[in-house]
Amino acid sequence: MPSPKKARTMFAPGSGAMLMTAEESARYLHYHPVSIRRLVVKGGLRPSYRVGRALLFLRDELDRFKRTSAAAAKKGAAHPVAALAATASLAEGMGAVVVVRVQGRETVFSRPQAFRWDDVPAIRAKVRAKHGDASFFIAIAAPDGSGFELAFHPDGSKIPHLKSLIRRR
């Protein structure tokens, strides 16, 4: 009996945005996977990351391509207004808790009322200003009931596989 494929969701290390493979991107844009690679070679579409020979794309970059490409518009895949409305409503209702690990103890640092992904660098700077290079995480609650956790470790050796998994282009 064949084993089921494991779901592998990857996220960008800086922003936490979801990354899509070339095959997923092709389905999203209504293109063939070979056409996605051709677009990359010709410079029409730029991958955000490369892991070995695999290309990884941010959804925002694919949406930009949909809005600016005449070929994508002809395929009927461009719906920028609906995508922007969904993104705005998701960002408005997110709550978060920032927890800092200092001397082996976890302490609540702050509870931002209206969390946005753009707030992450500012939160990181505030934690660094008060606690130095302490590890911390941000627990995020989305309006649909799902949750995310972003962990920050100033010492990159705690995540040895990170550099091999995601390599900037």
N, C-alpha and C. Protein backbone atom coordinates (compact mmCIF):
# COMPACT_ATOMS: atom_id res chain seq x y z
N MET A 1 0.84 -1.18 0.00
CA MET A 1 0.00 0.00 0.00
C MET A 1 0.88 1.24 0.00
N PRO A 2 0.68 2.17 -0.95
CA PRO A 2 1.53 3.36 -1.00
C PRO A 2 1.23 4.28 0.18
N SER A 3 2.30 4.90 0.68
CA SER A 3 2.11 5.82 1.80
C SER A 3 1.59 7.16 1.29
N PRO A 4 0.71 7.81 2.04
CA PRO A 4 0.19 9.10 1.60
C PRO A 4 1.28 10.15 1.65
N LYS A 5 1.18 11.13 0.75
CA LYS A 5 2.16 12.22 0.74
C LYS A 5 1.95 13.10 1.96
N LYS A 6 3.04 13.53 2.54
CA LYS A 6 2.96 14.44 3.67
C LYS A 6 2.77 15.86 3.16
N ALA A 7 1.94 16.60 3.83
CA ALA A 7 1.74 18.00 3.47
C ALA A 7 2.95 18.78 3.96
N ARG A 8 3.59 19.48 3.05
CA ARG A 8 4.76 20.28 3.42
C ARG A 8 4.45 21.73 3.10
N THR A 9 4.18 22.50 4.10
CA THR A 9 3.93 23.92 3.92
C THR A 9 5.18 24.65 4.37
N MET A 10 5.66 25.55 3.54
CA MET A 10 6.86 26.30 3.86
C MET A 10 6.50 27.76 3.98
N PHE A 11 7.21 28.45 4.87
CA PHE A 11 6.95 29.86 5.11
C PHE A 11 8.25 30.64 4.97
N ALA A 12 8.14 31.87 4.50
CA ALA A 12 9.31 32.74 4.34
C ALA A 12 9.84 33.10 5.72
N PRO A 13 11.16 33.04 5.92
CA PRO A 13 11.70 33.29 7.25
C PRO A 13 11.53 34.73 7.73
N GLY A 14 11.55 35.70 6.85
CA GLY A 14 11.45 37.09 7.28
C GLY A 14 10.05 37.54 7.60
N SER A 15 9.09 37.13 6.80
CA SER A 15 7.73 37.65 6.94
C SER A 15 6.73 36.64 7.44
N GLY A 16 7.03 35.37 7.32
CA GLY A 16 6.07 34.35 7.70
C GLY A 16 5.04 34.06 6.62
N ALA A 17 5.21 34.66 5.44
CA ALA A 17 4.28 34.45 4.34
C ALA A 17 4.47 33.04 3.77
N MET A 18 3.38 32.47 3.29
CA MET A 18 3.42 31.12 2.75
C MET A 18 4.14 31.10 1.40
N LEU A 19 4.98 30.10 1.23
CA LEU A 19 5.69 29.91 -0.03
C LEU A 19 5.01 28.81 -0.83
N MET A 20 4.98 28.97 -2.15
CA MET A 20 4.36 27.98 -3.04
C MET A 20 5.42 27.43 -3.97
N THR A 21 5.38 26.13 -4.24
CA THR A 21 6.30 25.51 -5.18
C THR A 21 5.91 25.90 -6.60
N ALA A 22 6.73 25.54 -7.57
CA ALA A 22 6.43 25.85 -8.97
C ALA A 22 5.13 25.17 -9.41
N GLU A 23 4.91 23.94 -8.96
CA GLU A 23 3.69 23.21 -9.33
C GLU A 23 2.45 23.87 -8.72
N GLU A 24 2.54 24.26 -7.45
CA GLU A 24 1.42 24.95 -6.80
C GLU A 24 1.16 26.30 -7.46
N SER A 25 2.25 26.98 -7.81
CA SER A 25 2.12 28.27 -8.48
C SER A 25 1.47 28.12 -9.84
N ALA A 26 1.81 27.07 -10.54
CA ALA A 26 1.21 26.82 -11.86
C ALA A 26 -0.30 26.61 -11.73
N ARG A 27 -0.71 25.84 -10.73
CA ARG A 27 -2.16 25.65 -10.52
C ARG A 27 -2.83 26.96 -10.16
N TYR A 28 -2.18 27.75 -9.32
CA TYR A 28 -2.74 29.03 -8.87
C TYR A 28 -2.91 30.01 -10.04
N LEU A 29 -1.93 30.00 -10.95
CA LEU A 29 -1.97 30.93 -12.10
C LEU A 29 -2.67 30.34 -13.33
N HIS A 30 -3.08 29.07 -13.26
CA HIS A 30 -3.68 28.37 -14.39
C HIS A 30 -2.69 28.23 -15.56
N TYR A 31 -1.45 27.91 -15.21
CA TYR A 31 -0.38 27.69 -16.18
C TYR A 31 0.09 26.24 -16.06
N HIS A 32 0.89 25.81 -17.01
CA HIS A 32 1.56 24.51 -16.94
C HIS A 32 2.86 24.72 -16.16
N PRO A 33 3.30 23.74 -15.35
CA PRO A 33 4.55 23.90 -14.59
C PRO A 33 5.76 24.24 -15.46
N VAL A 34 5.82 23.71 -16.66
CA VAL A 34 6.94 24.03 -17.55
C VAL A 34 6.88 25.51 -17.94
N SER A 35 5.68 26.05 -18.11
CA SER A 35 5.54 27.46 -18.45
C SER A 35 6.03 28.36 -17.31
N ILE A 36 5.83 27.93 -16.09
CA ILE A 36 6.33 28.70 -14.94
C ILE A 36 7.85 28.77 -15.00
N ARG A 37 8.49 27.65 -15.28
CA ARG A 37 9.96 27.66 -15.37
C ARG A 37 10.43 28.53 -16.55
N ARG A 38 9.71 28.50 -17.64
CA ARG A 38 10.07 29.36 -18.78
C ARG A 38 9.94 30.83 -18.40
N LEU A 39 8.89 31.19 -17.68
CA LEU A 39 8.72 32.57 -17.23
C LEU A 39 9.87 33.00 -16.33
N VAL A 40 10.36 32.09 -15.50
CA VAL A 40 11.49 32.40 -14.62
C VAL A 40 12.75 32.63 -15.45
N VAL A 41 12.99 31.77 -16.42
CA VAL A 41 14.18 31.90 -17.26
C VAL A 41 14.15 33.21 -18.05
N LYS A 42 12.97 33.59 -18.56
CA LYS A 42 12.84 34.82 -19.35
C LYS A 42 12.78 36.07 -18.48
N GLY A 43 12.61 35.92 -17.17
CA GLY A 43 12.59 37.07 -16.28
C GLY A 43 11.20 37.63 -16.04
N GLY A 44 10.17 36.99 -16.53
CA GLY A 44 8.81 37.49 -16.33
C GLY A 44 8.29 37.21 -14.93
N LEU A 45 8.83 36.21 -14.27
CA LEU A 45 8.41 35.83 -12.93
C LEU A 45 9.66 35.52 -12.13
N ARG A 46 9.75 36.04 -10.93
CA ARG A 46 10.95 35.87 -10.13
C ARG A 46 10.65 35.05 -8.89
N PRO A 47 11.34 33.93 -8.68
CA PRO A 47 11.12 33.15 -7.46
C PRO A 47 11.71 33.90 -6.26
N SER A 48 11.08 33.74 -5.13
CA SER A 48 11.57 34.39 -3.91
C SER A 48 12.72 33.62 -3.29
N TYR A 49 12.69 32.29 -3.43
CA TYR A 49 13.74 31.43 -2.88
C TYR A 49 13.99 30.27 -3.81
N ARG A 50 15.18 29.70 -3.67
CA ARG A 50 15.53 28.46 -4.36
C ARG A 50 16.07 27.49 -3.33
N VAL A 51 15.55 26.27 -3.38
CA VAL A 51 16.05 25.21 -2.51
C VAL A 51 16.50 24.11 -3.45
N GLY A 52 17.80 24.02 -3.67
CA GLY A 52 18.30 23.09 -4.68
C GLY A 52 17.80 23.53 -6.04
N ARG A 53 17.07 22.64 -6.73
CA ARG A 53 16.50 23.00 -8.03
C ARG A 53 15.05 23.45 -7.91
N ALA A 54 14.50 23.39 -6.73
CA ALA A 54 13.11 23.78 -6.51
C ALA A 54 12.98 25.29 -6.42
N LEU A 55 11.96 25.82 -7.05
CA LEU A 55 11.67 27.25 -7.00
C LEU A 55 10.51 27.48 -6.05
N LEU A 56 10.64 28.50 -5.20
CA LEU A 56 9.59 28.84 -4.25
C LEU A 56 9.14 30.28 -4.49
N PHE A 57 7.83 30.48 -4.53
CA PHE A 57 7.26 31.79 -4.85
C PHE A 57 6.38 32.27 -3.70
N LEU A 58 6.42 33.57 -3.43
CA LEU A 58 5.49 34.17 -2.49
C LEU A 58 4.17 34.41 -3.22
N ARG A 59 3.07 34.24 -2.52
CA ARG A 59 1.77 34.45 -3.15
C ARG A 59 1.60 35.91 -3.60
N ASP A 60 2.16 36.85 -2.84
CA ASP A 60 2.08 38.26 -3.24
C ASP A 60 2.74 38.50 -4.59
N GLU A 61 3.86 37.81 -4.82
CA GLU A 61 4.56 37.94 -6.10
C GLU A 61 3.71 37.36 -7.23
N LEU A 62 3.02 36.26 -6.98
CA LEU A 62 2.15 35.67 -7.99
C LEU A 62 0.94 36.57 -8.27
N ASP A 63 0.40 37.20 -7.22
CA ASP A 63 -0.70 38.15 -7.41
C ASP A 63 -0.25 39.35 -8.24
N ARG A 64 0.97 39.83 -7.98
CA ARG A 64 1.50 40.95 -8.76
C ARG A 64 1.62 40.55 -10.23
N PHE A 65 2.08 39.33 -10.46
CA PHE A 65 2.20 38.84 -11.83
C PHE A 65 0.82 38.80 -12.50
N LYS A 66 -0.19 38.35 -11.77
CA LYS A 66 -1.55 38.29 -12.31
C LYS A 66 -2.04 39.68 -12.73
N ARG A 67 -1.75 40.67 -11.89
CA ARG A 67 -2.24 42.03 -12.17
C ARG A 67 -1.50 42.68 -13.32
N THR A 68 -0.22 42.36 -13.49
CA THR A 68 0.58 43.08 -14.49
C THR A 68 0.76 42.33 -15.80
N SER A 69 0.48 41.06 -15.85
CA SER A 69 0.70 40.27 -17.06
C SER A 69 -0.56 40.21 -17.91
N ALA A 70 -0.44 40.56 -19.17
CA ALA A 70 -1.57 40.49 -20.09
C ALA A 70 -1.99 39.04 -20.32
N ALA A 71 -1.02 38.12 -20.38
CA ALA A 71 -1.34 36.71 -20.61
C ALA A 71 -2.12 36.13 -19.42
N ALA A 72 -1.76 36.51 -18.21
CA ALA A 72 -2.47 36.01 -17.03
C ALA A 72 -3.88 36.59 -16.99
N ALA A 73 -4.03 37.83 -17.40
CA ALA A 73 -5.36 38.45 -17.43
C ALA A 73 -6.26 37.75 -18.46
N LYS A 74 -5.68 37.35 -19.60
CA LYS A 74 -6.47 36.65 -20.62
C LYS A 74 -6.95 35.30 -20.12
N LYS A 75 -6.18 34.67 -19.24
CA LYS A 75 -6.57 33.37 -18.71
C LYS A 75 -7.70 33.52 -17.69
N GLY A 76 -8.04 34.77 -17.35
CA GLY A 76 -9.12 35.00 -16.41
C GLY A 76 -8.74 34.73 -14.98
N ALA A 77 -7.45 34.73 -14.69
CA ALA A 77 -7.01 34.41 -13.34
C ALA A 77 -6.86 35.64 -12.46
N ALA A 78 -7.02 36.84 -12.99
CA ALA A 78 -6.79 38.06 -12.23
C ALA A 78 -8.06 38.51 -11.53
N HIS A 79 -8.04 38.44 -10.20
CA HIS A 79 -9.13 38.94 -9.38
C HIS A 79 -8.52 39.73 -8.23
N PRO A 80 -7.84 40.87 -8.51
CA PRO A 80 -7.11 41.56 -7.45
C PRO A 80 -8.00 42.15 -6.36
N VAL A 81 -9.20 42.58 -6.68
CA VAL A 81 -10.05 43.21 -5.68
C VAL A 81 -10.46 42.20 -4.61
N ALA A 82 -10.86 41.01 -5.01
CA ALA A 82 -11.26 39.99 -4.04
C ALA A 82 -10.07 39.56 -3.17
N ALA A 83 -8.89 39.43 -3.79
CA ALA A 83 -7.71 39.02 -3.02
C ALA A 83 -7.33 40.08 -2.01
N LEU A 84 -7.39 41.36 -2.38
CA LEU A 84 -7.04 42.43 -1.46
C LEU A 84 -8.05 42.53 -0.32
N ALA A 85 -9.32 42.34 -0.61
CA ALA A 85 -10.34 42.40 0.43
C ALA A 85 -10.15 41.28 1.44
N ALA A 86 -9.84 40.08 0.97
CA ALA A 86 -9.63 38.95 1.87
C ALA A 86 -8.40 39.18 2.74
N THR A 87 -7.33 39.72 2.18
CA THR A 87 -6.12 39.99 2.94
C THR A 87 -6.36 41.05 3.99
N ALA A 88 -7.09 42.11 3.64
CA ALA A 88 -7.35 43.18 4.59
C ALA A 88 -8.20 42.69 5.76
N SER A 89 -9.23 41.88 5.49
CA SER A 89 -10.08 41.41 6.58
C SER A 89 -9.33 40.45 7.49
N LEU A 90 -8.42 39.66 6.96
CA LEU A 90 -7.64 38.75 7.78
C LEU A 90 -6.71 39.53 8.69
N ALA A 91 -6.07 40.57 8.15
CA ALA A 91 -5.10 41.34 8.93
C ALA A 91 -5.78 42.14 10.04
N GLU A 92 -7.03 42.58 9.85
CA GLU A 92 -7.69 43.42 10.84
C GLU A 92 -8.03 42.67 12.11
N GLY A 93 -8.34 41.39 12.03
CA GLY A 93 -8.82 40.67 13.19
C GLY A 93 -7.81 39.82 13.92
N MET A 94 -6.52 39.99 13.68
CA MET A 94 -5.52 39.12 14.30
C MET A 94 -5.08 39.68 15.65
N GLY A 95 -4.99 38.80 16.63
CA GLY A 95 -4.47 39.16 17.94
C GLY A 95 -3.17 38.41 18.17
N ALA A 96 -2.36 38.91 19.09
CA ALA A 96 -1.06 38.28 19.31
C ALA A 96 -0.62 38.44 20.76
N VAL A 97 0.28 37.54 21.16
CA VAL A 97 0.93 37.62 22.47
C VAL A 97 2.42 37.39 22.21
N VAL A 98 3.25 38.27 22.75
CA VAL A 98 4.70 38.15 22.61
C VAL A 98 5.25 37.62 23.93
N VAL A 99 5.95 36.48 23.87
CA VAL A 99 6.49 35.84 25.06
C VAL A 99 8.01 35.77 24.92
N VAL A 100 8.71 36.26 25.96
CA VAL A 100 10.18 36.30 25.95
C VAL A 100 10.70 35.24 26.91
N ARG A 101 11.78 34.55 26.49
CA ARG A 101 12.44 33.56 27.35
C ARG A 101 13.70 34.21 27.94
N VAL A 102 13.65 34.48 29.24
CA VAL A 102 14.78 35.10 29.92
C VAL A 102 15.19 34.19 31.07
N GLN A 103 16.42 33.77 31.08
CA GLN A 103 17.00 32.90 32.10
C GLN A 103 16.14 31.66 32.33
N GLY A 104 15.69 31.04 31.25
CA GLY A 104 14.93 29.81 31.33
C GLY A 104 13.45 29.98 31.68
N ARG A 105 13.00 31.20 31.89
CA ARG A 105 11.59 31.44 32.22
C ARG A 105 10.91 32.19 31.09
N GLU A 106 9.66 31.86 30.84
CA GLU A 106 8.87 32.55 29.82
C GLU A 106 8.01 33.62 30.47
N THR A 107 8.10 34.83 29.91
CA THR A 107 7.36 35.97 30.44
C THR A 107 6.61 36.66 29.31
N VAL A 108 5.36 37.02 29.55
CA VAL A 108 4.60 37.76 28.54
C VAL A 108 5.19 39.15 28.43
N PHE A 109 5.61 39.51 27.23
CA PHE A 109 6.23 40.81 26.98
C PHE A 109 5.18 41.84 26.60
N SER A 110 4.28 41.49 25.68
CA SER A 110 3.22 42.43 25.27
C SER A 110 2.08 41.66 24.63
N ARG A 111 0.96 42.35 24.49
CA ARG A 111 -0.24 41.80 23.83
C ARG A 111 -0.75 42.84 22.84
N PRO A 112 -0.18 42.89 21.63
CA PRO A 112 -0.66 43.86 20.64
C PRO A 112 -2.14 43.61 20.33
N GLN A 113 -2.95 44.66 20.35
CA GLN A 113 -4.39 44.51 20.12
C GLN A 113 -4.71 44.19 18.66
N ALA A 114 -4.15 44.94 17.74
CA ALA A 114 -4.41 44.72 16.31
C ALA A 114 -3.10 44.34 15.65
N PHE A 115 -2.80 43.06 15.63
CA PHE A 115 -1.52 42.59 15.08
C PHE A 115 -1.56 42.55 13.56
N ARG A 116 -0.46 43.02 12.94
CA ARG A 116 -0.24 42.89 11.50
C ARG A 116 1.15 42.30 11.31
N TRP A 117 1.34 41.61 10.18
CA TRP A 117 2.64 40.99 9.90
C TRP A 117 3.74 42.04 9.81
N ASP A 118 3.38 43.26 9.42
CA ASP A 118 4.37 44.34 9.32
C ASP A 118 4.91 44.75 10.69
N ASP A 119 4.23 44.36 11.77
CA ASP A 119 4.65 44.73 13.12
C ASP A 119 5.82 43.89 13.64
N VAL A 120 6.12 42.77 12.99
CA VAL A 120 7.14 41.84 13.50
C VAL A 120 8.50 42.51 13.69
N PRO A 121 9.05 43.28 12.72
CA PRO A 121 10.36 43.91 12.97
C PRO A 121 10.35 44.88 14.15
N ALA A 122 9.26 45.62 14.34
CA ALA A 122 9.17 46.55 15.47
C ALA A 122 9.13 45.79 16.79
N ILE A 123 8.39 44.69 16.83
CA ILE A 123 8.33 43.87 18.05
C ILE A 123 9.71 43.32 18.36
N ARG A 124 10.40 42.86 17.33
CA ARG A 124 11.75 42.31 17.53
C ARG A 124 12.69 43.37 18.09
N ALA A 125 12.58 44.61 17.58
CA ALA A 125 13.44 45.70 18.06
C ALA A 125 13.12 46.05 19.51
N LYS A 126 11.84 46.05 19.90
CA LYS A 126 11.46 46.36 21.29
C LYS A 126 11.97 45.30 22.25
N VAL A 127 11.86 44.02 21.86
CA VAL A 127 12.37 42.94 22.72
C VAL A 127 13.88 43.06 22.86
N ARG A 128 14.57 43.34 21.77
CA ARG A 128 16.03 43.48 21.82
C ARG A 128 16.44 44.66 22.70
N ALA A 129 15.69 45.78 22.62
CA ALA A 129 16.02 46.95 23.42
C ALA A 129 15.86 46.68 24.92
N LYS A 130 14.85 45.90 25.30
CA LYS A 130 14.60 45.65 26.72
C LYS A 130 15.36 44.46 27.27
N HIS A 131 15.47 43.36 26.48
CA HIS A 131 16.06 42.12 26.99
C HIS A 131 17.34 41.69 26.29
N GLY A 132 17.84 42.46 25.36
CA GLY A 132 19.04 42.07 24.63
C GLY A 132 18.73 40.96 23.64
N ASP A 133 19.67 40.05 23.45
CA ASP A 133 19.49 38.95 22.50
C ASP A 133 18.82 37.75 23.17
N ALA A 134 17.58 37.95 23.59
CA ALA A 134 16.83 36.86 24.22
C ALA A 134 15.96 36.19 23.17
N SER A 135 15.72 34.89 23.35
CA SER A 135 14.80 34.17 22.48
C SER A 135 13.38 34.58 22.83
N PHE A 136 12.52 34.65 21.83
CA PHE A 136 11.12 34.97 22.08
C PHE A 136 10.27 34.39 20.98
N PHE A 137 8.97 34.33 21.24
CA PHE A 137 8.05 33.89 20.20
C PHE A 137 6.79 34.74 20.24
N ILE A 138 6.12 34.78 19.10
CA ILE A 138 4.87 35.52 18.96
C ILE A 138 3.79 34.51 18.63
N ALA A 139 2.81 34.38 19.50
CA ALA A 139 1.66 33.51 19.25
C ALA A 139 0.57 34.38 18.63
N ILE A 140 0.10 34.00 17.45
CA ILE A 140 -0.84 34.81 16.69
C ILE A 140 -2.14 34.03 16.50
N ALA A 141 -3.26 34.69 16.77
CA ALA A 141 -4.58 34.08 16.58
C ALA A 141 -5.26 34.77 15.40
N ALA A 142 -5.58 34.00 14.37
CA ALA A 142 -6.26 34.53 13.18
C ALA A 142 -7.77 34.52 13.42
N PRO A 143 -8.52 35.35 12.68
CA PRO A 143 -9.97 35.41 12.87
C PRO A 143 -10.69 34.10 12.56
N ASP A 144 -10.10 33.25 11.73
CA ASP A 144 -10.78 32.00 11.38
C ASP A 144 -10.55 30.89 12.43
N GLY A 145 -9.89 31.23 13.52
CA GLY A 145 -9.68 30.27 14.59
C GLY A 145 -8.34 29.56 14.52
N SER A 146 -7.60 29.71 13.44
CA SER A 146 -6.28 29.08 13.33
C SER A 146 -5.26 29.91 14.10
N GLY A 147 -4.11 29.32 14.33
CA GLY A 147 -3.06 30.01 15.07
C GLY A 147 -1.70 29.79 14.44
N PHE A 148 -0.81 30.73 14.70
CA PHE A 148 0.56 30.68 14.19
C PHE A 148 1.48 30.97 15.36
N GLU A 149 2.69 30.48 15.25
CA GLU A 149 3.69 30.81 16.24
C GLU A 149 5.00 31.09 15.53
N LEU A 150 5.53 32.29 15.72
CA LEU A 150 6.81 32.68 15.15
C LEU A 150 7.84 32.66 16.27
N ALA A 151 8.88 31.88 16.11
CA ALA A 151 9.92 31.79 17.13
C ALA A 151 11.19 32.48 16.63
N PHE A 152 11.83 33.27 17.50
CA PHE A 152 13.05 33.97 17.15
C PHE A 152 14.15 33.51 18.09
N HIS A 153 15.25 33.05 17.49
CA HIS A 153 16.41 32.60 18.25
C HIS A 153 17.61 33.41 17.78
N PRO A 154 18.20 34.25 18.64
CA PRO A 154 19.34 35.05 18.21
C PRO A 154 20.55 34.21 17.83
N ASP A 155 20.64 33.01 18.39
CA ASP A 155 21.74 32.10 18.06
C ASP A 155 21.22 31.13 17.00
N GLY A 156 21.64 31.32 15.75
CA GLY A 156 21.15 30.49 14.65
C GLY A 156 21.51 29.04 14.74
N SER A 157 22.45 28.67 15.63
CA SER A 157 22.83 27.26 15.74
C SER A 157 21.72 26.42 16.36
N LYS A 158 20.70 27.06 16.95
CA LYS A 158 19.59 26.31 17.51
C LYS A 158 18.69 25.75 16.41
N ILE A 159 18.83 26.29 15.21
CA ILE A 159 18.04 25.81 14.06
C ILE A 159 19.03 25.43 12.96
N PRO A 160 19.72 24.31 13.09
CA PRO A 160 20.78 23.96 12.14
C PRO A 160 20.27 23.67 10.74
N HIS A 161 19.05 23.19 10.59
CA HIS A 161 18.53 22.82 9.28
C HIS A 161 18.00 24.01 8.49
N LEU A 162 17.84 25.18 9.13
CA LEU A 162 17.22 26.32 8.46
C LEU A 162 18.02 26.78 7.25
N LYS A 163 19.32 26.89 7.39
CA LYS A 163 20.15 27.38 6.29
C LYS A 163 20.16 26.43 5.12
N SER A 164 20.04 25.15 5.36
CA SER A 164 20.04 24.20 4.26
C SER A 164 18.67 24.12 3.59
N LEU A 165 17.59 24.43 4.32
CA LEU A 165 16.25 24.36 3.73
C LEU A 165 15.95 25.57 2.85
N ILE A 166 16.23 26.73 3.35
CA ILE A 166 15.87 27.95 2.62
C ILE A 166 17.13 28.75 2.38
N ARG A 167 17.44 28.94 1.14
CA ARG A 167 18.62 29.68 0.75
C ARG A 167 18.20 30.81 -0.17
N ARG A 168 18.57 32.02 0.18
CA ARG A 168 18.20 33.16 -0.66
C ARG A 168 18.87 33.07 -1.99
N ARG A 169 18.18 33.58 -2.98
CA ARG A 169 18.70 33.57 -4.34
C ARG A 169 19.82 34.55 -4.51
